[in-house]
Amino acid sequence: ERALQLRGISLVGSTKSGALVDVVARASPAGEALAVVRAFSRRAIQDA
């Protein structure tokens, strides 16, 4: 618990289904672009 608090995590939790997790707003354009690069990098490395 202390190790998580040092990382700024106060509590842990669970939710039953991915259908219950809603995206209500996208990140900034720069954040979205970096996320696209990370996702593509994972796919490219997994494929090659």
ModelCIF file with pLDDT and N, C-alpha, C, O atoms, coordinates in Angstrom:
data_MODEL
#
_entry.id   MODEL 
#
_entity.id                         1 
_entity.type                       polymer 
_entity.pdbx_number_of_molecules   1 
#
_entity_poly.entity_id                      1 
_entity_poly.type                           'polypeptide(L)' 
_entity_poly.nstd_linkage                   no 
_entity_poly.nstd_monomer                   no 
_entity_poly.pdbx_seq_one_letter_code       ERALQLRGISLVGSTKSGALVDVVARASPAGEALAVVRAFSRRAIQDA 
_entity_poly.pdbx_seq_one_letter_code_can   ERALQLRGISLVGSTKSGALVDVVARASPAGEALAVVRAFSRRAIQDA 
_entity_poly.pdbx_strand_id                 A 
#
loop_
_entity_poly_seq.entity_id 
_entity_poly_seq.num 
_entity_poly_seq.mon_id 
_entity_poly_seq.hetero 
1 1  GLU n 
1 2  ARG n 
1 3  ALA n 
1 4  LEU n 
1 5  GLN n 
1 6  LEU n 
1 7  ARG n 
1 8  GLY n 
1 9  ILE n 
1 10 SER n 
1 11 LEU n 
1 12 VAL n 
1 13 GLY n 
1 14 SER n 
1 15 THR n 
1 16 LYS n 
1 17 SER n 
1 18 GLY n 
1 19 ALA n 
1 20 LEU n 
1 21 VAL n 
1 22 ASP n 
1 23 VAL n 
1 24 VAL n 
1 25 ALA n 
1 26 ARG n 
1 27 ALA n 
1 28 SER n 
1 29 PRO n 
1 30 ALA n 
1 31 GLY n 
1 32 GLU n 
1 33 ALA n 
1 34 LEU n 
1 35 ALA n 
1 36 VAL n 
1 37 VAL n 
1 38 ARG n 
1 39 ALA n 
1 40 PHE n 
1 41 SER n 
1 42 ARG n 
1 43 ARG n 
1 44 ALA n 
1 45 ILE n 
1 46 GLN n 
1 47 ASP n 
1 48 ALA n 
#
_struct_asym.id          A 
_struct_asym.entity_id   1 
#
loop_
_ma_qa_metric.id 
_ma_qa_metric.mode 
_ma_qa_metric.name 
_ma_qa_metric.software_group_id 
_ma_qa_metric.type 
1 global pLDDT . pLDDT 
2 local  pLDDT . pLDDT 
#
_ma_qa_metric_global.metric_id      1 
_ma_qa_metric_global.metric_value   88.21 
_ma_qa_metric_global.model_id       1 
_ma_qa_metric_global.ordinal_id     1 
#
loop_
_ma_qa_metric_local.label_asym_id 
_ma_qa_metric_local.label_comp_id 
_ma_qa_metric_local.label_seq_id 
_ma_qa_metric_local.metric_id 
_ma_qa_metric_local.metric_value 
_ma_qa_metric_local.model_id 
_ma_qa_metric_local.ordinal_id 
A GLU 1  2 84.00 1 1  
A ARG 2  2 82.00 1 2  
A ALA 3  2 81.00 1 3  
A LEU 4  2 85.00 1 4  
A GLN 5  2 82.00 1 5  
A LEU 6  2 78.00 1 6  
A ARG 7  2 79.00 1 7  
A GLY 8  2 82.00 1 8  
A ILE 9  2 88.00 1 9  
A SER 10 2 88.00 1 10 
A LEU 11 2 91.00 1 11 
A VAL 12 2 93.00 1 12 
A GLY 13 2 92.00 1 13 
A SER 14 2 92.00 1 14 
A THR 15 2 93.00 1 15 
A LYS 16 2 90.00 1 16 
A SER 17 2 90.00 1 17 
A GLY 18 2 89.00 1 18 
A ALA 19 2 90.00 1 19 
A LEU 20 2 91.00 1 20 
A VAL 21 2 91.00 1 21 
A ASP 22 2 91.00 1 22 
A VAL 23 2 92.00 1 23 
A VAL 24 2 91.00 1 24 
A ALA 25 2 91.00 1 25 
A ARG 26 2 91.00 1 26 
A ALA 27 2 89.00 1 27 
A SER 28 2 88.00 1 28 
A PRO 29 2 90.00 1 29 
A ALA 30 2 87.00 1 30 
A GLY 31 2 87.00 1 31 
A GLU 32 2 88.00 1 32 
A ALA 33 2 89.00 1 33 
A LEU 34 2 87.00 1 34 
A ALA 35 2 87.00 1 35 
A VAL 36 2 88.00 1 36 
A VAL 37 2 87.00 1 37 
A ARG 38 2 87.00 1 38 
A ALA 39 2 87.00 1 39 
A PHE 40 2 89.00 1 40 
A SER 41 2 88.00 1 41 
A ARG 42 2 88.00 1 42 
A ARG 43 2 89.00 1 43 
A ALA 44 2 91.00 1 44 
A ILE 45 2 90.00 1 45 
A GLN 46 2 90.00 1 46 
A ASP 47 2 91.00 1 47 
A ALA 48 2 90.00 1 48 
#
loop_
_atom_site.group_PDB 
_atom_site.id 
_atom_site.type_symbol 
_atom_site.label_atom_id 
_atom_site.label_alt_id 
_atom_site.label_comp_id 
_atom_site.label_asym_id 
_atom_site.label_entity_id 
_atom_site.label_seq_id 
_atom_site.pdbx_PDB_ins_code 
_atom_site.Cartn_x 
_atom_site.Cartn_y 
_atom_site.Cartn_z 
_atom_site.occupancy 
_atom_site.B_iso_or_equiv 
_atom_site.pdbx_formal_charge 
_atom_site.auth_seq_id 
_atom_site.auth_comp_id 
_atom_site.auth_asym_id 
_atom_site.auth_atom_id 
_atom_site.pdbx_PDB_model_num 
ATOM 1   N N  . GLU A 1 1  ? 0.829   -1.200 0.000   1.00 84.00 ? 1  GLU A N  1 
ATOM 2   C CA . GLU A 1 1  ? 0.000   0.000  0.000   1.00 84.00 ? 1  GLU A CA 1 
ATOM 3   C C  . GLU A 1 1  ? 0.867   1.255  0.000   1.00 84.00 ? 1  GLU A C  1 
ATOM 4   O O  . GLU A 1 1  ? 0.587   2.211  -0.723  1.00 84.00 ? 1  GLU A O  1 
ATOM 5   N N  . ARG A 1 2  ? 1.910   1.247  0.805   1.00 82.00 ? 2  ARG A N  1 
ATOM 6   C CA . ARG A 1 2  ? 2.817   2.404  0.843   1.00 82.00 ? 2  ARG A CA 1 
ATOM 7   C C  . ARG A 1 2  ? 3.508   2.594  -0.508  1.00 82.00 ? 2  ARG A C  1 
ATOM 8   O O  . ARG A 1 2  ? 3.680   3.724  -0.964  1.00 82.00 ? 2  ARG A O  1 
ATOM 9   N N  . ALA A 1 3  ? 3.904   1.485  -1.149  1.00 81.00 ? 3  ALA A N  1 
ATOM 10  C CA . ALA A 1 3  ? 4.560   1.578  -2.457  1.00 81.00 ? 3  ALA A CA 1 
ATOM 11  C C  . ALA A 1 3  ? 3.639   2.235  -3.483  1.00 81.00 ? 3  ALA A C  1 
ATOM 12  O O  . ALA A 1 3  ? 4.099   3.029  -4.303  1.00 81.00 ? 3  ALA A O  1 
ATOM 13  N N  . LEU A 1 4  ? 2.341   1.913  -3.448  1.00 85.00 ? 4  LEU A N  1 
ATOM 14  C CA . LEU A 1 4  ? 1.396   2.532  -4.373  1.00 85.00 ? 4  LEU A CA 1 
ATOM 15  C C  . LEU A 1 4  ? 1.189   4.006  -4.040  1.00 85.00 ? 4  LEU A C  1 
ATOM 16  O O  . LEU A 1 4  ? 1.081   4.838  -4.941  1.00 85.00 ? 4  LEU A O  1 
ATOM 17  N N  . GLN A 1 5  ? 1.133   4.331  -2.757  1.00 82.00 ? 5  GLN A N  1 
ATOM 18  C CA . GLN A 1 5  ? 0.955   5.727  -2.375  1.00 82.00 ? 5  GLN A CA 1 
ATOM 19  C C  . GLN A 1 5  ? 2.139   6.579  -2.809  1.00 82.00 ? 5  GLN A C  1 
ATOM 20  O O  . GLN A 1 5  ? 1.972   7.749  -3.154  1.00 82.00 ? 5  GLN A O  1 
ATOM 21  N N  . LEU A 1 6  ? 3.337   5.995  -2.792  1.00 78.00 ? 6  LEU A N  1 
ATOM 22  C CA . LEU A 1 6  ? 4.505   6.723  -3.281  1.00 78.00 ? 6  LEU A CA 1 
ATOM 23  C C  . LEU A 1 6  ? 4.390   7.032  -4.764  1.00 78.00 ? 6  LEU A C  1 
ATOM 24  O O  . LEU A 1 6  ? 5.017   7.970  -5.257  1.00 78.00 ? 6  LEU A O  1 
ATOM 25  N N  . ARG A 1 7  ? 3.597   6.251  -5.473  1.00 79.00 ? 7  ARG A N  1 
ATOM 26  C CA . ARG A 1 7  ? 3.355   6.497  -6.907  1.00 79.00 ? 7  ARG A CA 1 
ATOM 27  C C  . ARG A 1 7  ? 2.114   7.345  -7.126  1.00 79.00 ? 7  ARG A C  1 
ATOM 28  O O  . ARG A 1 7  ? 1.690   7.542  -8.264  1.00 79.00 ? 7  ARG A O  1 
ATOM 29  N N  . GLY A 1 8  ? 1.526   7.853  -6.039  1.00 82.00 ? 8  GLY A N  1 
ATOM 30  C CA . GLY A 1 8  ? 0.352   8.698  -6.159  1.00 82.00 ? 8  GLY A CA 1 
ATOM 31  C C  . GLY A 1 8  ? -0.937  7.940  -6.320  1.00 82.00 ? 8  GLY A C  1 
ATOM 32  O O  . GLY A 1 8  ? -1.923  8.503  -6.796  1.00 82.00 ? 8  GLY A O  1 
ATOM 33  N N  . ILE A 1 9  ? -0.966  6.676  -5.937  1.00 88.00 ? 9  ILE A N  1 
ATOM 34  C CA . ILE A 1 9  ? -2.180  5.859  -6.031  1.00 88.00 ? 9  ILE A CA 1 
ATOM 35  C C  . ILE A 1 9  ? -2.747  5.675  -4.635  1.00 88.00 ? 9  ILE A C  1 
ATOM 36  O O  . ILE A 1 9  ? -2.148  5.003  -3.796  1.00 88.00 ? 9  ILE A O  1 
ATOM 37  N N  . SER A 1 10 ? -3.900  6.273  -4.390  1.00 88.00 ? 10 SER A N  1 
ATOM 38  C CA . SER A 1 10 ? -4.497  6.252  -3.056  1.00 88.00 ? 10 SER A CA 1 
ATOM 39  C C  . SER A 1 10 ? -5.270  4.976  -2.787  1.00 88.00 ? 10 SER A C  1 
ATOM 40  O O  . SER A 1 10 ? -5.236  4.448  -1.676  1.00 88.00 ? 10 SER A O  1 
ATOM 41  N N  . LEU A 1 11 ? -5.972  4.472  -3.803  1.00 91.00 ? 11 LEU A N  1 
ATOM 42  C CA . LEU A 1 11 ? -6.831  3.305  -3.637  1.00 91.00 ? 11 LEU A CA 1 
ATOM 43  C C  . LEU A 1 11 ? -6.713  2.411  -4.864  1.00 91.00 ? 11 LEU A C  1 
ATOM 44  O O  . LEU A 1 11 ? -6.229  2.838  -5.913  1.00 91.00 ? 11 LEU A O  1 
ATOM 45  N N  . VAL A 1 12 ? -7.154  1.185  -4.723  1.00 93.00 ? 12 VAL A N  1 
ATOM 46  C CA . VAL A 1 12 ? -7.287  0.284  -5.860  1.00 93.00 ? 12 VAL A CA 1 
ATOM 47  C C  . VAL A 1 12 ? -8.759  -0.073 -5.988  1.00 93.00 ? 12 VAL A C  1 
ATOM 48  O O  . VAL A 1 12 ? -9.550  0.165  -5.074  1.00 93.00 ? 12 VAL A O  1 
ATOM 49  N N  . GLY A 1 13 ? -9.115  -0.640 -7.118  1.00 92.00 ? 13 GLY A N  1 
ATOM 50  C CA . GLY A 1 13 ? -10.523 -0.970 -7.317  1.00 92.00 ? 13 GLY A CA 1 
ATOM 51  C C  . GLY A 1 13 ? -10.715 -1.916 -8.478  1.00 92.00 ? 13 GLY A C  1 
ATOM 52  O O  . GLY A 1 13 ? -9.757  -2.332 -9.130  1.00 92.00 ? 13 GLY A O  1 
ATOM 53  N N  . SER A 1 14 ? -11.967 -2.249 -8.728  1.00 92.00 ? 14 SER A N  1 
ATOM 54  C CA . SER A 1 14 ? -12.288 -3.160 -9.827  1.00 92.00 ? 14 SER A CA 1 
ATOM 55  C C  . SER A 1 14 ? -13.647 -2.789 -10.404 1.00 92.00 ? 14 SER A C  1 
ATOM 56  O O  . SER A 1 14 ? -14.519 -2.256 -9.718  1.00 92.00 ? 14 SER A O  1 
ATOM 57  N N  . THR A 1 15 ? -13.792 -3.092 -11.688 1.00 93.00 ? 15 THR A N  1 
ATOM 58  C CA . THR A 1 15 ? -15.082 -2.952 -12.348 1.00 93.00 ? 15 THR A CA 1 
ATOM 59  C C  . THR A 1 15 ? -15.327 -4.217 -13.159 1.00 93.00 ? 15 THR A C  1 
ATOM 60  O O  . THR A 1 15 ? -14.381 -4.809 -13.678 1.00 93.00 ? 15 THR A O  1 
ATOM 61  N N  . LYS A 1 16 ? -16.548 -4.626 -13.274 1.00 90.00 ? 16 LYS A N  1 
ATOM 62  C CA . LYS A 1 16 ? -16.853 -5.965 -13.773 1.00 90.00 ? 16 LYS A CA 1 
ATOM 63  C C  . LYS A 1 16 ? -16.655 -6.140 -15.268 1.00 90.00 ? 16 LYS A C  1 
ATOM 64  O O  . LYS A 1 16 ? -16.329 -7.235 -15.725 1.00 90.00 ? 16 LYS A O  1 
ATOM 65  N N  . SER A 1 17 ? -16.848 -5.069 -16.038 1.00 90.00 ? 17 SER A N  1 
ATOM 66  C CA . SER A 1 17 ? -16.830 -5.245 -17.491 1.00 90.00 ? 17 SER A CA 1 
ATOM 67  C C  . SER A 1 17 ? -16.266 -4.015 -18.178 1.00 90.00 ? 17 SER A C  1 
ATOM 68  O O  . SER A 1 17 ? -16.417 -2.890 -17.699 1.00 90.00 ? 17 SER A O  1 
ATOM 69  N N  . GLY A 1 18 ? -15.615 -4.249 -19.307 1.00 89.00 ? 18 GLY A N  1 
ATOM 70  C CA . GLY A 1 18 ? -15.123 -3.140 -20.103 1.00 89.00 ? 18 GLY A CA 1 
ATOM 71  C C  . GLY A 1 18 ? -16.242 -2.307 -20.692 1.00 89.00 ? 18 GLY A C  1 
ATOM 72  O O  . GLY A 1 18 ? -16.020 -1.158 -21.074 1.00 89.00 ? 18 GLY A O  1 
ATOM 73  N N  . ALA A 1 19 ? -17.438 -2.863 -20.771 1.00 90.00 ? 19 ALA A N  1 
ATOM 74  C CA . ALA A 1 19 ? -18.576 -2.114 -21.298 1.00 90.00 ? 19 ALA A CA 1 
ATOM 75  C C  . ALA A 1 19 ? -18.975 -0.969 -20.377 1.00 90.00 ? 19 ALA A C  1 
ATOM 76  O O  . ALA A 1 19 ? -19.660 -0.038 -20.801 1.00 90.00 ? 19 ALA A O  1 
ATOM 77  N N  . LEU A 1 20 ? -18.547 -1.036 -19.115 1.00 91.00 ? 20 LEU A N  1 
ATOM 78  C CA . LEU A 1 20 ? -18.915 -0.014 -18.136 1.00 91.00 ? 20 LEU A CA 1 
ATOM 79  C C  . LEU A 1 20 ? -17.938 1.157  -18.110 1.00 91.00 ? 20 LEU A C  1 
ATOM 80  O O  . LEU A 1 20 ? -18.197 2.161  -17.446 1.00 91.00 ? 20 LEU A O  1 
ATOM 81  N N  . VAL A 1 21 ? -16.824 1.042  -18.823 1.00 91.00 ? 21 VAL A N  1 
ATOM 82  C CA . VAL A 1 21 ? -15.805 2.098  -18.839 1.00 91.00 ? 21 VAL A CA 1 
ATOM 83  C C  . VAL A 1 21 ? -16.024 2.969  -20.072 1.00 91.00 ? 21 VAL A C  1 
ATOM 84  O O  . VAL A 1 21 ? -15.802 2.525  -21.199 1.00 91.00 ? 21 VAL A O  1 
ATOM 85  N N  . ASP A 1 22 ? -16.452 4.190  -19.859 1.00 91.00 ? 22 ASP A N  1 
ATOM 86  C CA . ASP A 1 22 ? -16.775 5.092  -20.968 1.00 91.00 ? 22 ASP A CA 1 
ATOM 87  C C  . ASP A 1 22 ? -15.693 6.154  -21.124 1.00 91.00 ? 22 ASP A C  1 
ATOM 88  O O  . ASP A 1 22 ? -15.235 6.740  -20.144 1.00 91.00 ? 22 ASP A O  1 
ATOM 89  N N  . VAL A 1 23 ? -15.294 6.393  -22.369 1.00 92.00 ? 23 VAL A N  1 
ATOM 90  C CA . VAL A 1 23 ? -14.385 7.491  -22.682 1.00 92.00 ? 23 VAL A CA 1 
ATOM 91  C C  . VAL A 1 23 ? -15.242 8.732  -22.912 1.00 92.00 ? 23 VAL A C  1 
ATOM 92  O O  . VAL A 1 23 ? -16.019 8.778  -23.866 1.00 92.00 ? 23 VAL A O  1 
ATOM 93  N N  . VAL A 1 24 ? -15.110 9.738  -22.045 1.00 91.00 ? 24 VAL A N  1 
ATOM 94  C CA . VAL A 1 24 ? -15.957 10.935 -22.130 1.00 91.00 ? 24 VAL A CA 1 
ATOM 95  C C  . VAL A 1 24 ? -15.239 12.095 -22.811 1.00 91.00 ? 24 VAL A C  1 
ATOM 96  O O  . VAL A 1 24 ? -15.886 13.062 -23.214 1.00 91.00 ? 24 VAL A O  1 
ATOM 97  N N  . ALA A 1 25 ? -13.912 12.020 -22.948 1.00 91.00 ? 25 ALA A N  1 
ATOM 98  C CA . ALA A 1 25 ? -13.169 13.085 -23.633 1.00 91.00 ? 25 ALA A CA 1 
ATOM 99  C C  . ALA A 1 25 ? -11.826 12.533 -24.095 1.00 91.00 ? 25 ALA A C  1 
ATOM 100 O O  . ALA A 1 25 ? -11.209 11.708 -23.421 1.00 91.00 ? 25 ALA A O  1 
ATOM 101 N N  . ARG A 1 26 ? -11.394 12.999 -25.243 1.00 91.00 ? 26 ARG A N  1 
ATOM 102 C CA . ARG A 1 26 ? -10.116 12.558 -25.773 1.00 91.00 ? 26 ARG A CA 1 
ATOM 103 C C  . ARG A 1 26 ? -8.990  13.391 -25.180 1.00 91.00 ? 26 ARG A C  1 
ATOM 104 O O  . ARG A 1 26 ? -9.224  14.426 -24.556 1.00 91.00 ? 26 ARG A O  1 
ATOM 105 N N  . ALA A 1 27 ? -7.779  12.925 -25.383 1.00 89.00 ? 27 ALA A N  1 
ATOM 106 C CA . ALA A 1 27 ? -6.612  13.654 -24.877 1.00 89.00 ? 27 ALA A CA 1 
ATOM 107 C C  . ALA A 1 27 ? -6.330  14.843 -25.791 1.00 89.00 ? 27 ALA A C  1 
ATOM 108 O O  . ALA A 1 27 ? -7.038  15.064 -26.774 1.00 89.00 ? 27 ALA A O  1 
ATOM 109 N N  . SER A 1 28 ? -5.305  15.597 -25.462 1.00 88.00 ? 28 SER A N  1 
ATOM 110 C CA . SER A 1 28 ? -4.893  16.709 -26.317 1.00 88.00 ? 28 SER A CA 1 
ATOM 111 C C  . SER A 1 28 ? -4.402  16.158 -27.653 1.00 88.00 ? 28 SER A C  1 
ATOM 112 O O  . SER A 1 28 ? -4.066  14.977 -27.745 1.00 88.00 ? 28 SER A O  1 
ATOM 113 N N  . PRO A 1 29 ? -4.355  16.994 -28.684 1.00 90.00 ? 29 PRO A N  1 
ATOM 114 C CA . PRO A 1 29 ? -3.859  16.495 -29.983 1.00 90.00 ? 29 PRO A CA 1 
ATOM 115 C C  . PRO A 1 29 ? -2.487  15.843 -29.880 1.00 90.00 ? 29 PRO A C  1 
ATOM 116 O O  . PRO A 1 29 ? -2.240  14.813 -30.507 1.00 90.00 ? 29 PRO A O  1 
ATOM 117 N N  . ALA A 1 30 ? -1.589  16.439 -29.089 1.00 87.00 ? 30 ALA A N  1 
ATOM 118 C CA . ALA A 1 30 ? -0.253  15.846 -28.929 1.00 87.00 ? 30 ALA A CA 1 
ATOM 119 C C  . ALA A 1 30 ? -0.349  14.500 -28.223 1.00 87.00 ? 30 ALA A C  1 
ATOM 120 O O  . ALA A 1 30 ? 0.321   13.543 -28.610 1.00 87.00 ? 30 ALA A O  1 
ATOM 121 N N  . GLY A 1 31 ? -1.185  14.427 -27.186 1.00 87.00 ? 31 GLY A N  1 
ATOM 122 C CA . GLY A 1 31 ? -1.360  13.160 -26.464 1.00 87.00 ? 31 GLY A CA 1 
ATOM 123 C C  . GLY A 1 31 ? -1.951  12.077 -27.338 1.00 87.00 ? 31 GLY A C  1 
ATOM 124 O O  . GLY A 1 31 ? -1.528  10.923 -27.281 1.00 87.00 ? 31 GLY A O  1 
ATOM 125 N N  . GLU A 1 32 ? -2.933  12.447 -28.150 1.00 88.00 ? 32 GLU A N  1 
ATOM 126 C CA . GLU A 1 32 ? -3.542  11.478 -29.058 1.00 88.00 ? 32 GLU A CA 1 
ATOM 127 C C  . GLU A 1 32 ? -2.533  10.998 -30.103 1.00 88.00 ? 32 GLU A C  1 
ATOM 128 O O  . GLU A 1 32 ? -2.505  9.816  -30.446 1.00 88.00 ? 32 GLU A O  1 
ATOM 129 N N  . ALA A 1 33 ? -1.707  11.916 -30.608 1.00 89.00 ? 33 ALA A N  1 
ATOM 130 C CA . ALA A 1 33 ? -0.709  11.537 -31.612 1.00 89.00 ? 33 ALA A CA 1 
ATOM 131 C C  . ALA A 1 33 ? 0.306   10.560 -31.015 1.00 89.00 ? 33 ALA A C  1 
ATOM 132 O O  . ALA A 1 33 ? 0.671   9.578  -31.661 1.00 89.00 ? 33 ALA A O  1 
ATOM 133 N N  . LEU A 1 34 ? 0.765   10.821 -29.784 1.00 87.00 ? 34 LEU A N  1 
ATOM 134 C CA . LEU A 1 34 ? 1.717   9.921  -29.140 1.00 87.00 ? 34 LEU A CA 1 
ATOM 135 C C  . LEU A 1 34 ? 1.090   8.558  -28.880 1.00 87.00 ? 34 LEU A C  1 
ATOM 136 O O  . LEU A 1 34 ? 1.754   7.529  -29.009 1.00 87.00 ? 34 LEU A O  1 
ATOM 137 N N  . ALA A 1 35 ? -0.196  8.550  -28.511 1.00 87.00 ? 35 ALA A N  1 
ATOM 138 C CA . ALA A 1 35 ? -0.879  7.282  -28.273 1.00 87.00 ? 35 ALA A CA 1 
ATOM 139 C C  . ALA A 1 35 ? -0.976  6.461  -29.561 1.00 87.00 ? 35 ALA A C  1 
ATOM 140 O O  . ALA A 1 35 ? -0.825  5.239  -29.542 1.00 87.00 ? 35 ALA A O  1 
ATOM 141 N N  . VAL A 1 36 ? -1.229  7.148  -30.677 1.00 88.00 ? 36 VAL A N  1 
ATOM 142 C CA . VAL A 1 36 ? -1.290  6.453  -31.965 1.00 88.00 ? 36 VAL A CA 1 
ATOM 143 C C  . VAL A 1 36 ? 0.072   5.845  -32.301 1.00 88.00 ? 36 VAL A C  1 
ATOM 144 O O  . VAL A 1 36 ? 0.149   4.715  -32.783 1.00 88.00 ? 36 VAL A O  1 
ATOM 145 N N  . VAL A 1 37 ? 1.137   6.592  -32.045 1.00 87.00 ? 37 VAL A N  1 
ATOM 146 C CA . VAL A 1 37 ? 2.487   6.084  -32.322 1.00 87.00 ? 37 VAL A CA 1 
ATOM 147 C C  . VAL A 1 37 ? 2.785   4.869  -31.460 1.00 87.00 ? 37 VAL A C  1 
ATOM 148 O O  . VAL A 1 37 ? 3.328   3.878  -31.950 1.00 87.00 ? 37 VAL A O  1 
ATOM 149 N N  . ARG A 1 38 ? 2.429   4.938  -30.158 1.00 87.00 ? 38 ARG A N  1 
ATOM 150 C CA . ARG A 1 38 ? 2.663   3.794  -29.279 1.00 87.00 ? 38 ARG A CA 1 
ATOM 151 C C  . ARG A 1 38 ? 1.887   2.571  -29.741 1.00 87.00 ? 38 ARG A C  1 
ATOM 152 O O  . ARG A 1 38 ? 2.429   1.466  -29.770 1.00 87.00 ? 38 ARG A O  1 
ATOM 153 N N  . ALA A 1 39 ? 0.625   2.761  -30.100 1.00 87.00 ? 39 ALA A N  1 
ATOM 154 C CA . ALA A 1 39 ? -0.196  1.632  -30.552 1.00 87.00 ? 39 ALA A CA 1 
ATOM 155 C C  . ALA A 1 39 ? 0.370   1.027  -31.833 1.00 87.00 ? 39 ALA A C  1 
ATOM 156 O O  . ALA A 1 39 ? 0.444   -0.195 -31.966 1.00 87.00 ? 39 ALA A O  1 
ATOM 157 N N  . PHE A 1 40 ? 0.768   1.879  -32.773 1.00 89.00 ? 40 PHE A N  1 
ATOM 158 C CA . PHE A 1 40 ? 1.340   1.368  -34.022 1.00 89.00 ? 40 PHE A CA 1 
ATOM 159 C C  . PHE A 1 40 ? 2.663   0.659  -33.760 1.00 89.00 ? 40 PHE A C  1 
ATOM 160 O O  . PHE A 1 40 ? 2.950   -0.365 -34.379 1.00 89.00 ? 40 PHE A O  1 
ATOM 161 N N  . SER A 1 41 ? 3.472   1.195  -32.846 1.00 88.00 ? 41 SER A N  1 
ATOM 162 C CA . SER A 1 41 ? 4.760   0.574  -32.526 1.00 88.00 ? 41 SER A CA 1 
ATOM 163 C C  . SER A 1 41 ? 4.559   -0.819 -31.960 1.00 88.00 ? 41 SER A C  1 
ATOM 164 O O  . SER A 1 41 ? 5.274   -1.751 -32.327 1.00 88.00 ? 41 SER A O  1 
ATOM 165 N N  . ARG A 1 42 ? 3.584   -0.965 -31.066 1.00 88.00 ? 42 ARG A N  1 
ATOM 166 C CA . ARG A 1 42 ? 3.305   -2.299 -30.505 1.00 88.00 ? 42 ARG A CA 1 
ATOM 167 C C  . ARG A 1 42 ? 2.930   -3.284 -31.607 1.00 88.00 ? 42 ARG A C  1 
ATOM 168 O O  . ARG A 1 42 ? 3.421   -4.412 -31.637 1.00 88.00 ? 42 ARG A O  1 
ATOM 169 N N  . ARG A 1 43 ? 2.045   -2.843 -32.520 1.00 89.00 ? 43 ARG A N  1 
ATOM 170 C CA . ARG A 1 43 ? 1.608   -3.741 -33.593 1.00 89.00 ? 43 ARG A CA 1 
ATOM 171 C C  . ARG A 1 43 ? 2.774   -4.083 -34.519 1.00 89.00 ? 43 ARG A C  1 
ATOM 172 O O  . ARG A 1 43 ? 2.948   -5.240 -34.902 1.00 89.00 ? 43 ARG A O  1 
ATOM 173 N N  . ALA A 1 44 ? 3.568   -3.080 -34.877 1.00 91.00 ? 44 ALA A N  1 
ATOM 174 C CA . ALA A 1 44 ? 4.677   -3.318 -35.803 1.00 91.00 ? 44 ALA A CA 1 
ATOM 175 C C  . ALA A 1 44 ? 5.702   -4.265 -35.197 1.00 91.00 ? 44 ALA A C  1 
ATOM 176 O O  . ALA A 1 44 ? 6.187   -5.172 -35.873 1.00 91.00 ? 44 ALA A O  1 
ATOM 177 N N  . ILE A 1 45 ? 6.037   -4.057 -33.916 1.00 90.00 ? 45 ILE A N  1 
ATOM 178 C CA . ILE A 1 45 ? 7.016   -4.922 -33.260 1.00 90.00 ? 45 ILE A CA 1 
ATOM 179 C C  . ILE A 1 45 ? 6.460   -6.331 -33.087 1.00 90.00 ? 45 ILE A C  1 
ATOM 180 O O  . ILE A 1 45 ? 7.178   -7.317 -33.257 1.00 90.00 ? 45 ILE A O  1 
ATOM 181 N N  . GLN A 1 46 ? 5.181   -6.417 -32.749 1.00 90.00 ? 46 GLN A N  1 
ATOM 182 C CA . GLN A 1 46 ? 4.579   -7.743 -32.603 1.00 90.00 ? 46 GLN A CA 1 
ATOM 183 C C  . GLN A 1 46 ? 4.579   -8.495 -33.932 1.00 90.00 ? 46 GLN A C  1 
ATOM 184 O O  . GLN A 1 46 ? 4.794   -9.707 -33.963 1.00 90.00 ? 46 GLN A O  1 
ATOM 185 N N  . ASP A 1 47 ? 4.339   -7.779 -35.023 1.00 91.00 ? 47 ASP A N  1 
ATOM 186 C CA . ASP A 1 47 ? 4.297   -8.415 -36.334 1.00 91.00 ? 47 ASP A CA 1 
ATOM 187 C C  . ASP A 1 47 ? 5.695   -8.825 -36.812 1.00 91.00 ? 47 ASP A C  1 
ATOM 188 O O  . ASP A 1 47 ? 5.874   -9.919 -37.349 1.00 91.00 ? 47 ASP A O  1 
ATOM 189 N N  . ALA A 1 48 ? 6.697   -7.932 -36.613 1.00 90.00 ? 48 ALA A N  1 
ATOM 190 C CA . ALA A 1 48 ? 8.031   -8.191 -37.151 1.00 90.00 ? 48 ALA A CA 1 
ATOM 191 C C  . ALA A 1 48 ? 8.883   -9.053 -36.239 1.00 90.00 ? 48 ALA A C  1 
ATOM 192 O O  . ALA A 1 48 ? 10.031  -9.351 -36.566 1.00 90.00 ? 48 ALA A O  1 
#
